[in-house]
Amino acid sequence: MLVSGLRFETQLRTLNQFPDTLLGDPARRIRYFDPLRNEYFFDRNRPSFDAILYYYQSGGRLRRPVNVPLDVFSEEIKFYELGELAINKFREDEGFIKEEEKPLPSHEFQRNVWLLFEYPESSQAARVVAIISVFVILLSIVIFCLETLPEFKHYKVFNTTTNGTKIEEDEVPDITDPFFLIETICIIWFTFELSVRFLACPNKLHFFRDVMNFIDIIAIIPYFITLATVVAEEEDTLNLPRAPVSPQDKSTNQAMSLAILRVIRLVRVFRIFKLSRHSKGLQILGRTLKASMRELGLLIFFLFIGWYSKIYIYCVKIKLHLVNVWRMC
């Protein structure tokens, strides 16, 4: 065989080990036979053919020469028709991450809806849906940040004594508040998107096992809890007859409810992780952190040792100070 001016020799039984390839199939390789020279001629990359021929001689071992670029060698593998198995093995040896086969719904309408909301690269309409989703996510994050500014906060005035008042921050939003209305619009989109994706997904069990879907659910739960609190607050303003409650118990219940509401609303921070569904960079960052969990765990362990040492020294100093004060007394 003559490959770009360099002659190679091998035996037919060596090539016949892989009859599904270009060189192993006589019917396919005859197209490159030169009857005048009584040899096969291939106008292909010469350094790559050393590895291609070694693939036949070694029984299936494929190694890219160091002086051959990755894309050139990939084209040579496809030209000599070594097969998908050889290509996948080569990509795996080169460090490429194997893409998992993702099942699609069997029903045509369900499959189109699933592609529309799950794969932005599948069509132009899917890209539009992805852009809308990213815009709504960013809008909800901006609203969440603006609500924390002092000029946008709401306050309540409580009568503590006969002639005294107490002003506290109102954690329960007003239904007519613009921030609450925008938040409602965002939640409507999130709920619609999550519901459509759930109804169109090919595997309902796998849907709930996906971390991103779990984050989507966590991101909308605080709104409905806040909405229930708003409804309960509206019922309190109707002056319905209730059992008498002492001011101390009422103040304690309000403080506990507000503390729980603050913690629940803080969960809205998880919405920023929804962007990773549309960002390859965030996905790579997540996979990097996942692959480095052992190293990160070791780092956290050493940090914990340092923190514990500082806390211990601080406690010892406090104890010595208290002992000295007691002796002076």
Protein backbone atom coordinates (compact mmCIF):
# COMPACT_ATOMS: atom_id res chain seq x y z
CA MET A 1 0.00 0.00 0.00
CA LEU A 2 1.27 3.44 -0.99
CA VAL A 3 0.18 6.26 1.34
CA SER A 4 1.25 9.71 0.11
CA GLY A 5 4.54 8.40 -1.27
CA LEU A 6 5.40 6.01 1.59
CA ARG A 7 5.01 2.27 0.95
CA PHE A 8 3.57 -0.08 3.62
CA GLU A 9 3.37 -3.87 3.46
CA THR A 10 1.16 -6.24 5.42
CA GLN A 11 -0.63 -9.55 4.99
CA LEU A 12 -4.21 -9.98 3.83
CA ARG A 13 -5.15 -12.08 6.86
CA THR A 14 -4.13 -9.15 9.04
CA LEU A 15 -6.57 -6.85 7.26
CA ASN A 16 -9.29 -9.50 7.13
CA GLN A 17 -9.56 -9.47 10.93
CA PHE A 18 -11.83 -6.44 10.57
CA PRO A 19 -14.04 -7.12 7.52
CA ASP A 20 -16.35 -4.19 8.29
CA THR A 21 -13.59 -1.63 7.73
CA LEU A 22 -12.31 -0.07 4.50
CA LEU A 23 -9.06 -2.05 4.35
CA GLY A 24 -10.66 -5.25 5.61
CA ASP A 25 -13.36 -5.37 2.93
CA PRO A 26 -12.02 -6.31 -0.55
CA ALA A 27 -15.06 -4.79 -2.26
CA ARG A 28 -14.44 -1.38 -0.69
CA ARG A 29 -10.65 -1.21 -0.91
CA ILE A 30 -10.62 -2.25 -4.61
CA ARG A 31 -11.55 1.34 -5.50
CA TYR A 32 -8.06 2.43 -4.44
CA PHE A 33 -6.18 -0.34 -6.30
CA ASP A 34 -3.68 0.71 -8.99
CA PRO A 35 -3.36 -2.16 -11.52
CA LEU A 36 -0.29 -0.61 -13.18
CA ARG A 37 1.73 -0.68 -9.97
CA ASN A 38 -0.14 -3.62 -8.47
CA GLU A 39 -0.68 -1.80 -5.17
CA TYR A 40 -3.24 0.25 -3.28
CA PHE A 41 -2.82 4.01 -3.28
CA PHE A 42 -4.25 6.33 -0.61
CA ASP A 43 -3.76 10.08 -0.77
CA ARG A 44 -4.17 10.47 2.99
CA ASN A 45 -2.22 11.66 6.00
CA ARG A 46 0.99 9.63 6.12
CA PRO A 47 1.85 9.74 9.88
CA SER A 48 -1.68 8.65 10.78
CA PHE A 49 -1.43 5.47 8.71
CA ASP A 50 1.19 4.05 11.09
CA ALA A 51 -1.45 4.00 13.82
CA ILE A 52 -4.15 2.76 11.42
CA LEU A 53 -2.04 -0.18 10.30
CA TYR A 54 -1.07 -0.94 13.90
CA TYR A 55 -4.79 -1.13 14.65
CA TYR A 56 -5.03 -4.16 12.36
CA GLN A 57 -1.75 -5.70 13.47
CA SER A 58 -2.48 -5.41 17.20
CA GLY A 59 -6.04 -6.67 17.00
CA GLY A 60 -7.82 -3.40 17.73
CA ARG A 61 -5.43 -1.09 19.60
CA LEU A 62 -5.68 2.49 18.38
CA ARG A 63 -3.25 5.20 19.50
CA ARG A 64 -2.89 8.65 17.98
CA PRO A 65 0.67 9.65 17.02
CA VAL A 66 1.90 12.64 19.00
CA ASN A 67 2.69 14.58 15.82
CA VAL A 68 -0.83 14.21 14.39
CA PRO A 69 -3.53 16.73 15.40
CA LEU A 70 -6.68 15.40 17.00
CA ASP A 71 -9.05 16.53 14.26
CA VAL A 72 -6.83 15.11 11.50
CA PHE A 73 -6.63 11.72 13.17
CA SER A 74 -10.39 11.70 13.72
CA GLU A 75 -10.92 12.27 10.00
CA GLU A 76 -8.54 9.40 9.20
CA ILE A 77 -10.51 7.06 11.47
CA LYS A 78 -13.71 7.99 9.68
CA PHE A 79 -12.10 7.59 6.24
CA TYR A 80 -10.82 4.08 6.96
CA GLU A 81 -14.23 3.25 8.46
CA LEU A 82 -12.94 1.72 11.68
CA GLY A 83 -16.42 2.00 13.18
CA GLU A 84 -18.19 3.80 16.02
CA LEU A 85 -16.68 1.48 18.63
CA ALA A 86 -13.14 2.48 17.63
CA ILE A 87 -14.09 6.17 17.52
CA ASN A 88 -15.67 6.06 20.97
CA LYS A 89 -12.69 4.18 22.41
CA PHE A 90 -10.32 6.71 20.85
CA ARG A 91 -12.29 9.66 22.25
CA GLU A 92 -12.35 8.05 25.67
CA ASP A 93 -8.58 7.54 25.61
CA GLU A 94 -8.13 11.18 24.61
CA GLY A 95 -10.07 12.32 27.67
CA PHE A 96 -13.39 13.23 26.08
CA ILE A 97 -16.42 12.84 28.33
CA LYS A 98 -18.79 10.25 26.96
CA GLU A 99 -22.18 11.75 26.27
CA GLU A 100 -25.00 9.83 27.85
CA GLU A 101 -27.80 8.73 25.59
CA LYS A 102 -30.87 10.68 26.59
CA PRO A 103 -34.17 8.97 25.78
CA LEU A 104 -36.87 10.88 23.94
CA PRO A 105 -40.64 10.45 24.22
CA SER A 106 -42.16 8.06 21.71
CA HIS A 107 -45.20 10.24 20.95
CA GLU A 108 -44.43 12.88 18.33
CA PHE A 109 -46.22 15.81 20.02
CA GLN A 110 -44.75 14.92 23.40
CA ARG A 111 -41.29 14.63 21.85
CA ASN A 112 -41.60 18.05 20.17
CA VAL A 113 -42.65 19.67 23.44
CA TRP A 114 -39.79 17.96 25.30
CA LEU A 115 -37.25 19.17 22.74
CA LEU A 116 -38.75 22.66 22.87
CA PHE A 117 -38.24 23.08 26.62
CA GLU A 118 -35.25 20.80 27.27
CA TYR A 119 -32.92 21.24 24.26
CA PRO A 120 -32.44 24.90 23.20
CA GLU A 121 -30.22 23.87 20.30
CA SER A 122 -32.93 21.70 18.72
CA SER A 123 -34.79 24.54 16.95
CA GLN A 124 -35.20 28.30 16.70
CA ALA A 125 -38.36 28.17 18.81
CA ALA A 126 -36.47 26.28 21.52
CA ARG A 127 -33.85 29.04 21.58
CA VAL A 128 -36.60 31.63 22.06
CA VAL A 129 -38.03 29.64 24.97
CA ALA A 130 -34.55 29.39 26.51
CA ILE A 131 -34.02 33.16 26.15
CA ILE A 132 -37.37 33.84 27.83
CA SER A 133 -36.49 31.45 30.65
CA VAL A 134 -33.10 33.11 31.24
CA PHE A 135 -34.72 36.57 31.20
CA VAL A 136 -37.34 35.53 33.78
CA ILE A 137 -34.67 33.95 36.01
CA LEU A 138 -32.53 37.10 35.90
CA LEU A 139 -35.60 39.26 36.54
CA SER A 140 -36.56 37.24 39.62
CA ILE A 141 -32.99 37.45 40.96
CA VAL A 142 -32.90 41.24 40.44
CA ILE A 143 -36.27 41.62 42.20
CA PHE A 144 -35.01 39.50 45.09
CA CYS A 145 -31.98 41.78 45.46
CA LEU A 146 -33.98 45.02 45.18
CA GLU A 147 -36.38 43.91 47.92
CA THR A 148 -33.51 43.94 50.41
CA LEU A 149 -32.77 47.66 49.88
CA PRO A 150 -34.01 49.88 52.76
CA GLU A 151 -35.93 52.28 50.48
CA PHE A 152 -38.09 49.41 49.18
CA LYS A 153 -38.89 47.78 52.52
CA HIS A 154 -42.26 47.99 54.27
CA TYR A 155 -42.73 48.60 57.97
CA LYS A 156 -45.49 47.99 60.50
CA VAL A 157 -46.37 50.08 63.53
CA PHE A 158 -47.36 48.18 66.69
CA ASN A 159 -48.88 49.64 69.85
CA THR A 160 -46.70 48.28 72.66
CA THR A 161 -48.05 50.39 75.54
CA THR A 162 -50.74 52.97 76.07
CA ASN A 163 -48.60 55.81 74.78
CA GLY A 164 -45.86 53.86 72.96
CA THR A 165 -45.40 52.41 69.50
CA LYS A 166 -42.99 49.94 67.93
CA ILE A 167 -41.91 49.92 64.29
CA GLU A 168 -40.80 46.62 62.76
CA GLU A 169 -40.06 45.43 59.24
CA ASP A 170 -43.06 43.82 57.56
CA GLU A 171 -41.98 40.48 56.11
CA VAL A 172 -45.43 39.78 54.64
CA PRO A 173 -45.66 41.46 51.21
CA ASP A 174 -48.66 43.41 50.01
CA ILE A 175 -50.63 41.94 47.10
CA THR A 176 -50.59 45.30 45.33
CA ASP A 177 -46.82 45.67 45.75
CA PRO A 178 -45.09 45.87 42.30
CA PHE A 179 -42.33 43.53 43.46
CA PHE A 180 -44.89 40.94 44.52
CA LEU A 181 -46.73 41.25 41.19
CA ILE A 182 -43.52 40.77 39.20
CA GLU A 183 -42.60 37.84 41.43
CA THR A 184 -46.02 36.33 40.72
CA ILE A 185 -45.46 36.61 36.97
CA CYS A 186 -42.06 34.92 37.30
CA ILE A 187 -43.52 32.10 39.40
CA ILE A 188 -46.30 31.57 36.85
CA TRP A 189 -43.64 31.03 34.17
CA PHE A 190 -41.53 28.76 36.40
CA THR A 191 -44.56 26.67 37.32
CA PHE A 192 -45.75 26.47 33.71
CA GLU A 193 -42.28 25.46 32.49
CA LEU A 194 -41.85 22.84 35.21
CA SER A 195 -45.33 21.39 34.63
CA VAL A 196 -44.88 21.16 30.85
CA ARG A 197 -41.48 19.53 31.19
CA PHE A 198 -42.86 17.03 33.69
CA LEU A 199 -45.80 16.10 31.47
CA ALA A 200 -43.59 15.77 28.38
CA CYS A 201 -40.63 13.94 29.95
CA PRO A 202 -40.14 10.31 28.84
CA ASN A 203 -39.30 9.04 32.34
CA LYS A 204 -41.16 10.53 35.32
CA LEU A 205 -38.95 8.78 37.90
CA HIS A 206 -35.76 10.07 36.29
CA PHE A 207 -37.33 13.54 36.21
CA PHE A 208 -37.47 13.71 40.00
CA ARG A 209 -33.97 12.25 40.33
CA ASP A 210 -32.48 15.09 38.31
CA VAL A 211 -30.84 17.68 40.57
CA MET A 212 -31.82 20.56 38.29
CA ASN A 213 -35.49 19.64 38.49
CA PHE A 214 -35.20 19.46 42.27
CA ILE A 215 -33.75 22.99 42.26
CA ASP A 216 -36.67 24.14 40.08
CA ILE A 217 -39.13 22.80 42.65
CA ILE A 218 -37.26 24.35 45.58
CA ALA A 219 -37.16 27.70 43.76
CA ILE A 220 -40.96 28.06 43.56
CA ILE A 221 -41.95 26.66 46.97
CA PRO A 222 -41.14 29.89 48.93
CA TYR A 223 -43.60 31.88 46.84
CA PHE A 224 -46.55 29.64 47.64
CA ILE A 225 -45.66 29.68 51.35
CA THR A 226 -45.46 33.47 51.19
CA LEU A 227 -48.79 33.56 49.33
CA ALA A 228 -50.40 31.45 52.07
CA THR A 229 -49.01 33.90 54.64
CA VAL A 230 -50.49 36.83 52.71
CA VAL A 231 -53.89 35.12 52.61
CA ALA A 232 -53.71 34.44 56.34
CA GLU A 233 -52.77 38.08 56.93
CA GLU A 234 -55.79 39.20 54.91
CA GLU A 235 -58.07 36.98 56.99
CA ASP A 236 -56.77 38.59 60.17
CA THR A 237 -57.93 41.97 58.90
CA LEU A 238 -61.54 40.80 58.58
CA ASN A 239 -62.01 41.07 62.38
CA LEU A 240 -63.46 37.61 62.66
CA PRO A 241 -64.32 36.48 66.22
CA ARG A 242 -61.39 34.57 67.68
CA ALA A 243 -60.40 33.20 71.03
CA PRO A 244 -58.61 35.79 73.19
CA VAL A 245 -54.83 35.62 72.95
CA SER A 246 -52.46 37.31 75.37
CA PRO A 247 -50.19 40.04 73.90
CA GLN A 248 -47.10 38.08 74.93
CA ASP A 249 -48.24 34.91 73.12
CA LYS A 250 -49.26 36.93 70.09
CA SER A 251 -45.86 38.64 69.96
CA THR A 252 -44.09 35.29 70.31
CA ASN A 253 -46.14 33.71 67.52
CA GLN A 254 -45.51 36.66 65.23
CA ALA A 255 -41.78 36.57 65.87
CA MET A 256 -41.64 32.83 65.18
CA SER A 257 -43.72 33.15 62.01
CA LEU A 258 -41.56 35.99 60.70
CA ALA A 259 -38.36 34.06 61.45
CA ILE A 260 -39.65 31.02 59.57
CA LEU A 261 -40.81 33.21 56.68
CA ARG A 262 -37.38 34.84 56.42
CA VAL A 263 -35.64 31.48 56.24
CA ILE A 264 -38.08 30.19 53.63
CA ARG A 265 -37.73 33.29 51.48
CA LEU A 266 -33.96 32.94 51.66
CA VAL A 267 -34.35 29.70 49.68
CA ARG A 268 -35.09 31.90 46.66
CA VAL A 269 -31.33 32.28 46.33
CA PHE A 270 -31.34 28.81 44.74
CA ARG A 271 -32.87 30.37 41.63
CA ILE A 272 -29.42 31.43 40.52
CA PHE A 273 -28.62 27.74 40.01
CA LYS A 274 -31.42 27.59 37.43
CA LEU A 275 -29.08 29.46 35.10
CA SER A 276 -26.82 26.40 34.93
CA ARG A 277 -29.46 24.74 32.76
CA HIS A 278 -28.69 27.31 30.05
CA SER A 279 -24.97 27.89 30.74
CA LYS A 280 -22.27 25.43 29.69
CA GLY A 281 -19.76 27.27 31.87
CA LEU A 282 -21.80 26.70 35.04
CA GLN A 283 -22.30 23.06 34.08
CA ILE A 284 -18.54 22.60 33.67
CA LEU A 285 -18.00 24.32 37.04
CA GLY A 286 -20.49 21.96 38.69
CA ARG A 287 -18.84 18.90 37.19
CA THR A 288 -15.43 20.19 38.27
CA LEU A 289 -16.61 20.61 41.85
CA LYS A 290 -18.21 17.18 41.76
CA ALA A 291 -14.98 15.59 40.52
CA SER A 292 -12.98 17.42 43.23
CA MET A 293 -15.21 16.55 46.19
CA ARG A 294 -12.50 14.53 47.95
CA GLU A 295 -9.96 17.34 47.68
CA LEU A 296 -12.53 19.94 48.76
CA GLY A 297 -13.52 17.73 51.69
CA LEU A 298 -9.89 17.54 52.79
CA LEU A 299 -9.58 21.33 52.52
CA ILE A 300 -12.73 21.84 54.62
CA PHE A 301 -11.39 19.37 57.19
CA PHE A 302 -8.17 21.36 57.64
CA LEU A 303 -10.14 24.62 57.81
CA PHE A 304 -12.35 23.08 60.49
CA ILE A 305 -9.24 22.14 62.49
CA GLY A 306 -8.04 25.75 62.30
CA TRP A 307 -11.41 27.15 63.34
CA TYR A 308 -11.72 24.68 66.19
CA SER A 309 -8.25 25.64 67.46
CA LYS A 310 -9.12 29.34 67.44
CA ILE A 311 -12.43 28.73 69.23
CA TYR A 312 -10.68 26.59 71.84
CA ILE A 313 -8.04 29.27 72.50
CA TYR A 314 -10.77 31.92 72.74
CA CYS A 315 -12.75 29.83 75.24
CA VAL A 316 -9.62 29.26 77.35
CA LYS A 317 -8.96 33.01 77.46
CA ILE A 318 -12.54 33.68 78.55
CA LYS A 319 -12.26 31.02 81.25
CA LEU A 320 -9.00 32.51 82.58
CA HIS A 321 -10.56 35.97 82.58
CA LEU A 322 -13.57 34.74 84.57
CA VAL A 323 -11.29 32.96 87.06
CA ASN A 324 -9.28 36.16 87.59
CA VAL A 325 -12.46 38.18 88.10
CA TRP A 326 -13.74 35.62 90.63
CA ARG A 327 -10.44 35.73 92.58
CA MET A 328 -10.52 39.51 92.67
CA CYS A 329 -13.99 39.38 94.14
